[in-house]
Amino acid sequence: MLGLSIAMAIPSVHGRSDGLVRLGVVSYKVALVVMFAMFAVMILLALGRLSWLRWPWLTTLGALTYPVYLLHRQLGWVAVDQLHESTSSVPPTRVADPPRQCEFSTTA
């Protein structure tokens, strides 16, 4: 199952980092290293290798800051869209958004 998850994540990383790679912000290799590092952390957590990290205040901090993250994300995309229309000819890259569904017209 882990191998399948990694195999499915690689094309996703490629697609999501494509815009940043074209702009020269990050390389595809760096994006893959970050992905594998995240998988490694999750594996270590699942195996109990990081059980020595006991920070109960992180749960409280996460509960307090998550709503701020959600609001910030939505307002940030509105700001990006507005600024893009007036300042740049380069389309904004939405790395965190899921792929959109395509709609096809059947009228001739």
PDB file of N, CA and C in Angstrom:
ATOM      1  N   MET A   1       0.821  -1.175   0.000  1.00  0.00           N
ATOM      2  CA  MET A   1       0.000   0.000   0.000  1.00  0.00           C
ATOM      3  C   MET A   1       0.881   1.262   0.000  1.00  0.00           C
ATOM      4  N   LEU A   2       1.967   1.210   0.736  1.00  0.00           N
ATOM      5  CA  LEU A   2       2.881   2.357   0.763  1.00  0.00           C
ATOM      6  C   LEU A   2       3.457   2.628  -0.621  1.00  0.00           C
ATOM      7  N   GLY A   3       3.872   1.569  -1.310  1.00  0.00           N
ATOM      8  CA  GLY A   3       4.422   1.728  -2.656  1.00  0.00           C
ATOM      9  C   GLY A   3       3.400   2.328  -3.612  1.00  0.00           C
ATOM     10  N   LEU A   4       2.153   1.899  -3.495  1.00  0.00           N
ATOM     11  CA  LEU A   4       1.100   2.440  -4.344  1.00  0.00           C
ATOM     12  C   LEU A   4       0.861   3.923  -4.036  1.00  0.00           C
ATOM     13  N   SER A   5       0.895   4.275  -2.759  1.00  0.00           N
ATOM     14  CA  SER A   5       0.718   5.677  -2.373  1.00  0.00           C
ATOM     15  C   SER A   5       1.835   6.550  -2.943  1.00  0.00           C
ATOM     16  N   ILE A   6       3.051   6.067  -2.867  1.00  0.00           N
ATOM     17  CA  ILE A   6       4.179   6.824  -3.417  1.00  0.00           C
ATOM     18  C   ILE A   6       4.057   6.919  -4.932  1.00  0.00           C
ATOM     19  N   ALA A   7       3.706   5.805  -5.577  1.00  0.00           N
ATOM     20  CA  ALA A   7       3.549   5.807  -7.035  1.00  0.00           C
ATOM     21  C   ALA A   7       2.453   6.772  -7.480  1.00  0.00           C
ATOM     22  N   MET A   8       1.403   6.913  -6.691  1.00  0.00           N
ATOM     23  CA  MET A   8       0.338   7.849  -7.033  1.00  0.00           C
ATOM     24  C   MET A   8       0.726   9.289  -6.721  1.00  0.00           C
ATOM     25  N   ALA A   9       1.602   9.480  -5.747  1.00  0.00           N
ATOM     26  CA  ALA A   9       1.998  10.836  -5.346  1.00  0.00           C
ATOM     27  C   ALA A   9       2.979  11.468  -6.328  1.00  0.00           C
ATOM     28  N   ILE A  10       3.815  10.670  -6.971  1.00  0.00           N
ATOM     29  CA  ILE A  10       4.842  11.229  -7.864  1.00  0.00           C
ATOM     30  C   ILE A  10       4.226  12.031  -9.015  1.00  0.00           C
ATOM     31  N   PRO A  11       3.242  11.506  -9.764  1.00  0.00           N
ATOM     32  CA  PRO A  11       2.647  12.335 -10.821  1.00  0.00           C
ATOM     33  C   PRO A  11       1.930  13.567 -10.264  1.00  0.00           C
ATOM     34  N   SER A  12       1.351  13.434  -9.076  1.00  0.00           N
ATOM     35  CA  SER A  12       0.677  14.569  -8.461  1.00  0.00           C
ATOM     36  C   SER A  12       1.670  15.680  -8.144  1.00  0.00           C
ATOM     37  N   VAL A  13       2.829  15.305  -7.612  1.00  0.00           N
ATOM     38  CA  VAL A  13       3.873  16.300  -7.320  1.00  0.00           C
ATOM     39  C   VAL A  13       4.330  16.954  -8.615  1.00  0.00           C
ATOM     40  N   HIS A  14       4.483  16.157  -9.647  1.00  0.00           N
ATOM     41  CA  HIS A  14       4.916  16.709 -10.936  1.00  0.00           C
ATOM     42  C   HIS A  14       3.895  17.726 -11.452  1.00  0.00           C
ATOM     43  N   GLY A  15       2.623  17.382 -11.406  1.00  0.00           N
ATOM     44  CA  GLY A  15       1.589  18.286 -11.895  1.00  0.00           C
ATOM     45  C   GLY A  15       1.447  19.544 -11.059  1.00  0.00           C
ATOM     46  N   ARG A  16       1.536  19.392  -9.760  1.00  0.00           N
ATOM     47  CA  ARG A  16       1.346  20.534  -8.872  1.00  0.00           C
ATOM     48  C   ARG A  16       2.560  21.458  -8.842  1.00  0.00           C
ATOM     49  N   SER A  17       3.747  20.943  -9.122  1.00  0.00           N
ATOM     50  CA  SER A  17       4.946  21.787  -9.083  1.00  0.00           C
ATOM     51  C   SER A  17       5.322  22.326 -10.456  1.00  0.00           C
ATOM     52  N   ASP A  18       4.589  21.938 -11.485  1.00  0.00           N
ATOM     53  CA  ASP A  18       4.942  22.320 -12.852  1.00  0.00           C
ATOM     54  C   ASP A  18       5.023  23.835 -13.032  1.00  0.00           C
ATOM     55  N   GLY A  19       4.043  24.561 -12.527  1.00  0.00           N
ATOM     56  CA  GLY A  19       4.046  26.018 -12.661  1.00  0.00           C
ATOM     57  C   GLY A  19       5.225  26.658 -11.964  1.00  0.00           C
ATOM     58  N   LEU A  20       5.547  26.158 -10.769  1.00  0.00           N
ATOM     59  CA  LEU A  20       6.687  26.705 -10.027  1.00  0.00           C
ATOM     60  C   LEU A  20       8.010  26.360 -10.700  1.00  0.00           C
ATOM     61  N   VAL A  21       8.078  25.184 -11.320  1.00  0.00           N
ATOM     62  CA  VAL A  21       9.288  24.789 -12.037  1.00  0.00           C
ATOM     63  C   VAL A  21       9.485  25.697 -13.243  1.00  0.00           C
ATOM     64  N   ARG A  22       8.406  25.962 -13.979  1.00  0.00           N
ATOM     65  CA  ARG A  22       8.503  26.833 -15.163  1.00  0.00           C
ATOM     66  C   ARG A  22       8.914  28.249 -14.789  1.00  0.00           C
ATOM     67  N   LEU A  23       8.489  28.715 -13.619  1.00  0.00           N
ATOM     68  CA  LEU A  23       8.862  30.058 -13.174  1.00  0.00           C
ATOM     69  C   LEU A  23      10.260  30.102 -12.558  1.00  0.00           C
ATOM     70  N   GLY A  24      10.870  28.933 -12.361  1.00  0.00           N
ATOM     71  CA  GLY A  24      12.210  28.877 -11.778  1.00  0.00           C
ATOM     72  C   GLY A  24      12.236  29.022 -10.272  1.00  0.00           C
ATOM     73  N   VAL A  25      11.086  28.861  -9.613  1.00  0.00           N
ATOM     74  CA  VAL A  25      11.011  29.003  -8.161  1.00  0.00           C
ATOM     75  C   VAL A  25      11.577  27.774  -7.457  1.00  0.00           C
ATOM     76  N   VAL A  26      11.295  26.596  -8.003  1.00  0.00           N
ATOM     77  CA  VAL A  26      11.744  25.348  -7.400  1.00  0.00           C
ATOM     78  C   VAL A  26      12.004  24.346  -8.519  1.00  0.00           C
ATOM     79  N   SER A  27      12.854  23.380  -8.248  1.00  0.00           N
ATOM     80  CA  SER A  27      13.095  22.339  -9.245  1.00  0.00           C
ATOM     81  C   SER A  27      12.228  21.117  -8.920  1.00  0.00           C
ATOM     82  N   TYR A  28      12.013  20.297  -9.918  1.00  0.00           N
ATOM     83  CA  TYR A  28      11.215  19.085  -9.733  1.00  0.00           C
ATOM     84  C   TYR A  28      11.901  18.146  -8.738  1.00  0.00           C
ATOM     85  N   LYS A  29      13.228  18.111  -8.762  1.00  0.00           N
ATOM     86  CA  LYS A  29      13.963  17.248  -7.833  1.00  0.00           C
ATOM     87  C   LYS A  29      13.731  17.678  -6.384  1.00  0.00           C
ATOM     88  N   VAL A  30      13.703  18.976  -6.135  1.00  0.00           N
ATOM     89  CA  VAL A  30      13.456  19.471  -4.783  1.00  0.00           C
ATOM     90  C   VAL A  30      12.044  19.090  -4.338  1.00  0.00           C
ATOM     91  N   ALA A  31      11.081  19.214  -5.238  1.00  0.00           N
ATOM     92  CA  ALA A  31       9.706  18.835  -4.903  1.00  0.00           C
ATOM     93  C   ALA A  31       9.617  17.352  -4.542  1.00  0.00           C
ATOM     94  N   LEU A  32      10.331  16.500  -5.276  1.00  0.00           N
ATOM     95  CA  LEU A  32      10.341  15.067  -4.971  1.00  0.00           C
ATOM     96  C   LEU A  32      11.006  14.783  -3.626  1.00  0.00           C
ATOM     97  N   VAL A  33      12.092  15.479  -3.331  1.00  0.00           N
ATOM     98  CA  VAL A  33      12.778  15.286  -2.046  1.00  0.00           C
ATOM     99  C   VAL A  33      11.842  15.659  -0.897  1.00  0.00           C
ATOM    100  N   VAL A  34      11.123  16.763  -1.036  1.00  0.00           N
ATOM    101  CA  VAL A  34      10.173  17.174  -0.001  1.00  0.00           C
ATOM    102  C   VAL A  34       9.075  16.116   0.153  1.00  0.00           C
ATOM    103  N   MET A  35       8.572  15.585  -0.967  1.00  0.00           N
ATOM    104  CA  MET A  35       7.539  14.552  -0.904  1.00  0.00           C
ATOM    105  C   MET A  35       8.049  13.309  -0.162  1.00  0.00           C
ATOM    106  N   PHE A  36       9.244  12.843  -0.523  1.00  0.00           N
ATOM    107  CA  PHE A  36       9.791  11.657   0.133  1.00  0.00           C
ATOM    108  C   PHE A  36      10.085  11.924   1.610  1.00  0.00           C
ATOM    109  N   ALA A  37      10.491  13.140   1.945  1.00  0.00           N
ATOM    110  CA  ALA A  37      10.723  13.485   3.350  1.00  0.00           C
ATOM    111  C   ALA A  37       9.424  13.418   4.139  1.00  0.00           C
ATOM    112  N   MET A  38       8.329  13.870   3.534  1.00  0.00           N
ATOM    113  CA  MET A  38       7.035  13.796   4.209  1.00  0.00           C
ATOM    114  C   MET A  38       6.591  12.345   4.412  1.00  0.00           C
ATOM    115  N   PHE A  39       6.812  11.518   3.397  1.00  0.00           N
ATOM    116  CA  PHE A  39       6.503  10.096   3.554  1.00  0.00           C
ATOM    117  C   PHE A  39       7.358   9.481   4.671  1.00  0.00           C
ATOM    118  N   ALA A  40       8.628   9.858   4.738  1.00  0.00           N
ATOM    119  CA  ALA A  40       9.526   9.318   5.768  1.00  0.00           C
ATOM    120  C   ALA A  40       9.040   9.713   7.164  1.00  0.00           C
ATOM    121  N   VAL A  41       8.620  10.956   7.341  1.00  0.00           N
ATOM    122  CA  VAL A  41       8.111  11.396   8.641  1.00  0.00           C
ATOM    123  C   VAL A  41       6.864  10.602   9.011  1.00  0.00           C
ATOM    124  N   MET A  42       5.963  10.395   8.055  1.00  0.00           N
ATOM    125  CA  MET A  42       4.741   9.634   8.332  1.00  0.00           C
ATOM    126  C   MET A  42       5.057   8.174   8.682  1.00  0.00           C
ATOM    127  N   ILE A  43       6.049   7.596   8.015  1.00  0.00           N
ATOM    128  CA  ILE A  43       6.458   6.226   8.325  1.00  0.00           C
ATOM    129  C   ILE A  43       7.019   6.153   9.738  1.00  0.00           C
ATOM    130  N   LEU A  44       7.879   7.114  10.085  1.00  0.00           N
ATOM    131  CA  LEU A  44       8.446   7.143  11.437  1.00  0.00           C
ATOM    132  C   LEU A  44       7.358   7.316  12.490  1.00  0.00           C
ATOM    133  N   LEU A  45       6.382   8.151  12.230  1.00  0.00           N
ATOM    134  CA  LEU A  45       5.272   8.317  13.167  1.00  0.00           C
ATOM    135  C   LEU A  45       4.479   7.025  13.317  1.00  0.00           C
ATOM    136  N   ALA A  46       4.188   6.373  12.192  1.00  0.00           N
ATOM    137  CA  ALA A  46       3.400   5.141  12.227  1.00  0.00           C
ATOM    138  C   ALA A  46       4.120   4.026  12.967  1.00  0.00           C
ATOM    139  N   LEU A  47       5.438   3.982  12.873  1.00  0.00           N
ATOM    140  CA  LEU A  47       6.214   2.945  13.544  1.00  0.00           C
ATOM    141  C   LEU A  47       6.536   3.285  15.000  1.00  0.00           C
ATOM    142  N   GLY A  48       6.127   4.459  15.449  1.00  0.00           N
ATOM    143  CA  GLY A  48       6.365   4.852  16.835  1.00  0.00           C
ATOM    144  C   GLY A  48       7.772   5.350  17.103  1.00  0.00           C
ATOM    145  N   ARG A  49       8.533   5.627  16.057  1.00  0.00           N
ATOM    146  CA  ARG A  49       9.926   6.092  16.236  1.00  0.00           C
ATOM    147  C   ARG A  49      10.003   7.528  16.728  1.00  0.00           C
ATOM    148  N   LEU A  50       8.907   8.262  16.629  1.00  0.00           N
ATOM    149  CA  LEU A  50       8.895   9.652  17.086  1.00  0.00           C
ATOM    150  C   LEU A  50       8.035   9.817  18.340  1.00  0.00           C
ATOM    151  N   SER A  51       7.846   8.724  19.083  1.00  0.00           N
ATOM    152  CA  SER A  51       7.005   8.782  20.275  1.00  0.00           C
ATOM    153  C   SER A  51       7.629   9.629  21.384  1.00  0.00           C
ATOM    154  N   TRP A  52       8.900   9.896  21.298  1.00  0.00           N
ATOM    155  CA  TRP A  52       9.563  10.724  22.286  1.00  0.00           C
ATOM    156  C   TRP A  52       9.156  12.198  22.151  1.00  0.00           C
ATOM    157  N   LEU A  53       8.549  12.562  21.033  1.00  0.00           N
ATOM    158  CA  LEU A  53       8.061  13.928  20.849  1.00  0.00           C
ATOM    159  C   LEU A  53       6.706  14.057  21.543  1.00  0.00           C
ATOM    160  N   ARG A  54       6.705  14.564  22.746  1.00  0.00           N
ATOM    161  CA  ARG A  54       5.471  14.744  23.511  1.00  0.00           C
ATOM    162  C   ARG A  54       5.233  16.238  23.715  1.00  0.00           C
ATOM    163  N   TRP A  55       4.486  16.824  22.811  1.00  0.00           N
ATOM    164  CA  TRP A  55       4.181  18.243  22.915  1.00  0.00           C
ATOM    165  C   TRP A  55       2.670  18.416  22.913  1.00  0.00           C
ATOM    166  N   PRO A  56       2.003  18.248  24.049  1.00  0.00           N
ATOM    167  CA  PRO A  56       0.543  18.324  24.088  1.00  0.00           C
ATOM    168  C   PRO A  56       0.015  19.699  23.700  1.00  0.00           C
ATOM    169  N   TRP A  57       0.809  20.730  23.838  1.00  0.00           N
ATOM    170  CA  TRP A  57       0.361  22.075  23.485  1.00  0.00           C
ATOM    171  C   TRP A  57       0.190  22.231  21.968  1.00  0.00           C
ATOM    172  N   LEU A  58       0.791  21.317  21.163  1.00  0.00           N
ATOM    173  CA  LEU A  58       0.637  21.409  19.722  1.00  0.00           C
ATOM    174  C   LEU A  58      -0.804  21.153  19.290  1.00  0.00           C
ATOM    175  N   THR A  59      -1.517  20.299  20.005  1.00  0.00           N
ATOM    176  CA  THR A  59      -2.927  20.042  19.689  1.00  0.00           C
ATOM    177  C   THR A  59      -3.742  21.311  19.895  1.00  0.00           C
ATOM    178  N   THR A  60      -3.506  21.993  20.994  1.00  0.00           N
ATOM    179  CA  THR A  60      -4.206  23.249  21.267  1.00  0.00           C
ATOM    180  C   THR A  60      -3.851  24.299  20.235  1.00  0.00           C
ATOM    181  N   LEU A  61      -2.576  24.413  19.917  1.00  0.00           N
ATOM    182  CA  LEU A  61      -2.129  25.382  18.923  1.00  0.00           C
ATOM    183  C   LEU A  61      -2.753  25.099  17.563  1.00  0.00           C
ATOM    184  N   GLY A  62      -2.804  23.835  17.176  1.00  0.00           N
ATOM    185  CA  GLY A  62      -3.418  23.463  15.908  1.00  0.00           C
ATOM    186  C   GLY A  62      -4.901  23.788  15.874  1.00  0.00           C
ATOM    187  N   ALA A  63      -5.605  23.518  16.957  1.00  0.00           N
ATOM    188  CA  ALA A  63      -7.042  23.810  17.012  1.00  0.00           C
ATOM    189  C   ALA A  63      -7.309  25.308  16.934  1.00  0.00           C
ATOM    190  N   LEU A  64      -6.408  26.106  17.483  1.00  0.00           N
ATOM    191  CA  LEU A  64      -6.592  27.551  17.446  1.00  0.00           C
ATOM    192  C   LEU A  64      -6.227  28.170  16.096  1.00  0.00           C
ATOM    193  N   THR A  65      -5.247  27.608  15.419  1.00  0.00           N
ATOM    194  CA  THR A  65      -4.760  28.241  14.187  1.00  0.00           C
ATOM    195  C   THR A  65      -5.387  27.687  12.912  1.00  0.00           C
ATOM    196  N   TYR A  66      -6.006  26.530  12.942  1.00  0.00           N
ATOM    197  CA  TYR A  66      -6.581  25.955  11.731  1.00  0.00           C
ATOM    198  C   TYR A  66      -7.663  26.844  11.111  1.00  0.00           C
ATOM    199  N   PRO A  67      -8.599  27.405  11.879  1.00  0.00           N
ATOM    200  CA  PRO A  67      -9.583  28.305  11.265  1.00  0.00           C
ATOM    201  C   PRO A  67      -8.928  29.524  10.604  1.00  0.00           C
ATOM    202  N   VAL A  68      -7.849  30.023  11.181  1.00  0.00           N
ATOM    203  CA  VAL A  68      -7.132  31.147  10.578  1.00  0.00           C
ATOM    204  C   VAL A  68      -6.539  30.719   9.236  1.00  0.00           C
ATOM    205  N   TYR A  69      -6.009  29.516   9.170  1.00  0.00           N
ATOM    206  CA  TYR A  69      -5.465  28.992   7.910  1.00  0.00           C
ATOM    207  C   TYR A  69      -6.547  28.921   6.844  1.00  0.00           C
ATOM    208  N   LEU A  70      -7.721  28.400   7.190  1.00  0.00           N
ATOM    209  CA  LEU A  70      -8.799  28.269   6.221  1.00  0.00           C
ATOM    210  C   LEU A  70      -9.230  29.632   5.679  1.00  0.00           C
ATOM    211  N   LEU A  71      -9.381  30.600   6.568  1.00  0.00           N
ATOM    212  CA  LEU A  71      -9.770  31.937   6.146  1.00  0.00           C
ATOM    213  C   LEU A  71      -8.668  32.586   5.306  1.00  0.00           C
ATOM    214  N   HIS A  72      -7.429  32.442   5.733  1.00  0.00           N
ATOM    215  CA  HIS A  72      -6.294  33.020   5.014  1.00  0.00           C
ATOM    216  C   HIS A  72      -6.178  32.455   3.607  1.00  0.00           C
ATOM    217  N   ARG A  73      -6.413  31.171   3.461  1.00  0.00           N
ATOM    218  CA  ARG A  73      -6.306  30.533   2.139  1.00  0.00           C
ATOM    219  C   ARG A  73      -7.331  31.117   1.176  1.00  0.00           C
ATOM    220  N   GLN A  74      -8.576  31.219   1.614  1.00  0.00           N
ATOM    221  CA  GLN A  74      -9.622  31.740   0.739  1.00  0.00           C
ATOM    222  C   GLN A  74      -9.376  33.210   0.385  1.00  0.00           C
ATOM    223  N   LEU A  75      -9.052  34.015   1.371  1.00  0.00           N
ATOM    224  CA  LEU A  75      -8.798  35.431   1.111  1.00  0.00           C
ATOM    225  C   LEU A  75      -7.545  35.622   0.263  1.00  0.00           C
ATOM    226  N   GLY A  76      -6.574  34.753   0.453  1.00  0.00           N
ATOM    227  CA  GLY A  76      -5.346  34.832  -0.340  1.00  0.00           C
ATOM    228  C   GLY A  76      -5.605  34.601  -1.817  1.00  0.00           C
ATOM    229  N   TRP A  77      -6.440  33.615  -2.161  1.00  0.00           N
ATOM    230  CA  TRP A  77      -6.725  33.367  -3.575  1.00  0.00           C
ATOM    231  C   TRP A  77      -7.520  34.503  -4.197  1.00  0.00           C
ATOM    232  N   VAL A  78      -8.398  35.131  -3.428  1.00  0.00           N
ATOM    233  CA  VAL A  78      -9.119  36.296  -3.935  1.00  0.00           C
ATOM    234  C   VAL A  78      -8.130  37.413  -4.238  1.00  0.00           C
ATOM    235  N   ALA A  79      -7.184  37.645  -3.327  1.00  0.00           N
ATOM    236  CA  ALA A  79      -6.172  38.684  -3.538  1.00  0.00           C
ATOM    237  C   ALA A  79      -5.282  38.349  -4.735  1.00  0.00           C
ATOM    238  N   VAL A  80      -4.882  37.096  -4.875  1.00  0.00           N
ATOM    239  CA  VAL A  80      -4.049  36.700  -6.011  1.00  0.00           C
ATOM    240  C   VAL A  80      -4.781  36.929  -7.318  1.00  0.00           C
ATOM    241  N   ASP A  81      -6.036  36.543  -7.387  1.00  0.00           N
ATOM    242  CA  ASP A  81      -6.816  36.744  -8.613  1.00  0.00           C
ATOM    243  C   ASP A  81      -6.954  38.229  -8.950  1.00  0.00           C
ATOM    244  N   GLN A  82      -7.219  39.049  -7.948  1.00  0.00           N
ATOM    245  CA  GLN A  82      -7.376  40.485  -8.183  1.00  0.00           C
ATOM    246  C   GLN A  82      -6.060  41.118  -8.621  1.00  0.00           C
ATOM    247  N   LEU A  83      -4.975  40.773  -7.959  1.00  0.00           N
ATOM    248  CA  LEU A  83      -3.675  41.336  -8.320  1.00  0.00           C
ATOM    249  C   LEU A  83      -3.211  40.845  -9.678  1.00  0.00           C
ATOM    250  N   HIS A  84      -3.521  39.618 -10.005  1.00  0.00           N
ATOM    251  CA  HIS A  84      -3.102  39.062 -11.287  1.00  0.00           C
ATOM    252  C   HIS A  84      -3.725  39.833 -12.442  1.00  0.00           C
ATOM    253  N   GLU A  85      -4.991  40.184 -12.302  1.00  0.00           N
ATOM    254  CA  GLU A  85      -5.677  40.898 -13.379  1.00  0.00           C
ATOM    255  C   GLU A  85      -5.040  42.246 -13.665  1.00  0.00           C
ATOM    256  N   SER A  86      -4.450  42.872 -12.659  1.00  0.00           N
ATOM    257  CA  SER A  86      -3.936  44.225 -12.852  1.00  0.00           C
ATOM    258  C   SER A  86      -2.414  44.320 -12.964  1.00  0.00           C
ATOM    259  N   THR A  87      -1.675  43.241 -12.684  1.00  0.00           N
ATOM    260  CA  THR A  87      -0.221  43.405 -12.638  1.00  0.00           C
ATOM    261  C   THR A  87       0.597  42.487 -13.517  1.00  0.00           C
ATOM    262  N   SER A  88       0.077  41.348 -13.951  1.00  0.00           N
ATOM    263  CA  SER A  88       0.957  40.364 -14.564  1.00  0.00           C
ATOM    264  C   SER A  88       0.298  39.667 -15.740  1.00  0.00           C
ATOM    265  N   SER A  89       1.150  39.184 -16.641  1.00  0.00           N
ATOM    266  CA  SER A  89       0.652  38.373 -17.748  1.00  0.00           C
ATOM    267  C   SER A  89       0.907  36.891 -17.501  1.00  0.00           C
ATOM    268  N   VAL A  90       1.535  36.548 -16.372  1.00  0.00           N
ATOM    269  CA  VAL A  90       1.805  35.160 -16.016  1.00  0.00           C
ATOM    270  C   VAL A  90       0.633  34.648 -15.185  1.00  0.00           C
ATOM    271  N   PRO A  91       0.016  33.521 -15.579  1.00  0.00           N
ATOM    272  CA  PRO A  91      -1.123  33.022 -14.801  1.00  0.00           C
ATOM    273  C   PRO A  91      -0.691  32.556 -13.418  1.00  0.00           C
ATOM    274  N   PRO A  92      -1.522  32.797 -12.392  1.00  0.00           N
ATOM    275  CA  PRO A  92      -1.167  32.333 -11.051  1.00  0.00           C
ATOM    276  C   PRO A  92      -1.169  30.812 -10.989  1.00  0.00           C
ATOM    277  N   THR A  93      -0.270  30.260 -10.195  1.00  0.00           N
ATOM    278  CA  THR A  93      -0.165  28.816 -10.034  1.00  0.00           C
ATOM    279  C   THR A  93      -0.798  28.438  -8.713  1.00  0.00           C
ATOM    280  N   ARG A  94      -1.841  27.633  -8.778  1.00  0.00           N
ATOM    281  CA  ARG A  94      -2.529  27.205  -7.569  1.00  0.00           C
ATOM    282  C   ARG A  94      -2.082  25.788  -7.250  1.00  0.00           C
ATOM    283  N   VAL A  95      -1.023  25.683  -6.473  1.00  0.00           N
ATOM    284  CA  VAL A  95      -0.437  24.388  -6.160  1.00  0.00           C
ATOM    285  C   VAL A  95      -1.359  23.569  -5.267  1.00  0.00           C
ATOM    286  N   ALA A  96      -2.081  24.224  -4.377  1.00  0.00           N
ATOM    287  CA  ALA A  96      -2.872  23.485  -3.394  1.00  0.00           C
ATOM    288  C   ALA A  96      -4.266  23.111  -3.872  1.00  0.00           C
ATOM    289  N   ASP A  97      -4.699  23.626  -5.013  1.00  0.00           N
ATOM    290  CA  ASP A  97      -6.047  23.326  -5.472  1.00  0.00           C
ATOM    291  C   ASP A  97      -6.116  21.971  -6.170  1.00  0.00           C
ATOM    292  N   PRO A  98      -7.209  21.235  -5.987  1.00  0.00           N
ATOM    293  CA  PRO A  98      -7.372  19.957  -6.694  1.00  0.00           C
ATOM    294  C   PRO A  98      -7.651  20.199  -8.172  1.00  0.00           C
ATOM    295  N   PRO A  99      -7.423  19.208  -9.017  1.00  0.00           N
ATOM    296  CA  PRO A  99      -7.712  19.375 -10.447  1.00  0.00           C
ATOM    297  C   PRO A  99      -9.194  19.645 -10.671  1.00  0.00           C
ATOM    298  N   ARG A 100      -9.488  20.483 -11.643  1.00  0.00           N
ATOM    299  CA  ARG A 100     -10.875  20.814 -11.947  1.00  0.00           C
ATOM    300  C   ARG A 100     -11.457  19.828 -12.942  1.00  0.00           C
ATOM    301  N   GLN A 101     -12.763  19.628 -12.856  1.00  0.00           N
ATOM    302  CA  GLN A 101     -13.457  18.752 -13.791  1.00  0.00           C
ATOM    303  C   GLN A 101     -13.680  19.495 -15.102  1.00  0.00           C
ATOM    304  N   CYS A 102     -13.490  18.829 -16.207  1.00  0.00           N
ATOM    305  CA  CYS A 102     -13.723  19.422 -17.521  1.00  0.00           C
ATOM    306  C   CYS A 102     -15.165  19.198 -17.928  1.00  0.00           C
ATOM    307  N   GLU A 103     -15.775  20.212 -18.506  1.00  0.00           N
ATOM    308  CA  GLU A 103     -17.138  20.095 -19.005  1.00  0.00           C
ATOM    309  C   GLU A 103     -17.084  20.178 -20.520  1.00  0.00           C
ATOM    310  N   PHE A 104     -17.731  19.232 -21.176  1.00  0.00           N
ATOM    311  CA  PHE A 104     -17.738  19.187 -22.621  1.00  0.00           C
ATOM    312  C   PHE A 104     -19.143  19.513 -23.124  1.00  0.00           C
ATOM    313  N   SER A 105     -19.189  20.296 -24.157  1.00  0.00           N
ATOM    314  CA  SER A 105     -20.467  20.650 -24.758  1.00  0.00           C
ATOM    315  C   SER A 105     -20.819  19.618 -25.825  1.00  0.00           C
ATOM    316  N   THR A 106     -22.071  19.197 -25.838  1.00  0.00           N
ATOM    317  CA  THR A 106     -22.492  18.195 -26.830  1.00  0.00           C
ATOM    318  C   THR A 106     -23.297  18.837 -27.949  1.00  0.00           C
ATOM    319  N   THR A 107     -23.429  20.161 -27.918  1.00  0.00           N
ATOM    320  CA  THR A 107     -24.155  20.825 -28.982  1.00  0.00           C
ATOM    321  C   THR A 107     -23.249  21.087 -30.159  1.00  0.00           C
ATOM    322  N   ALA A 108     -23.804  20.964 -31.361  1.00  0.00           N
ATOM    323  CA  ALA A 108     -22.987  21.157 -32.563  1.00  0.00           C
ATOM    324  C   ALA A 108     -23.229  22.514 -33.170  1.00  0.00           C
TER     325      ALA A 108
END
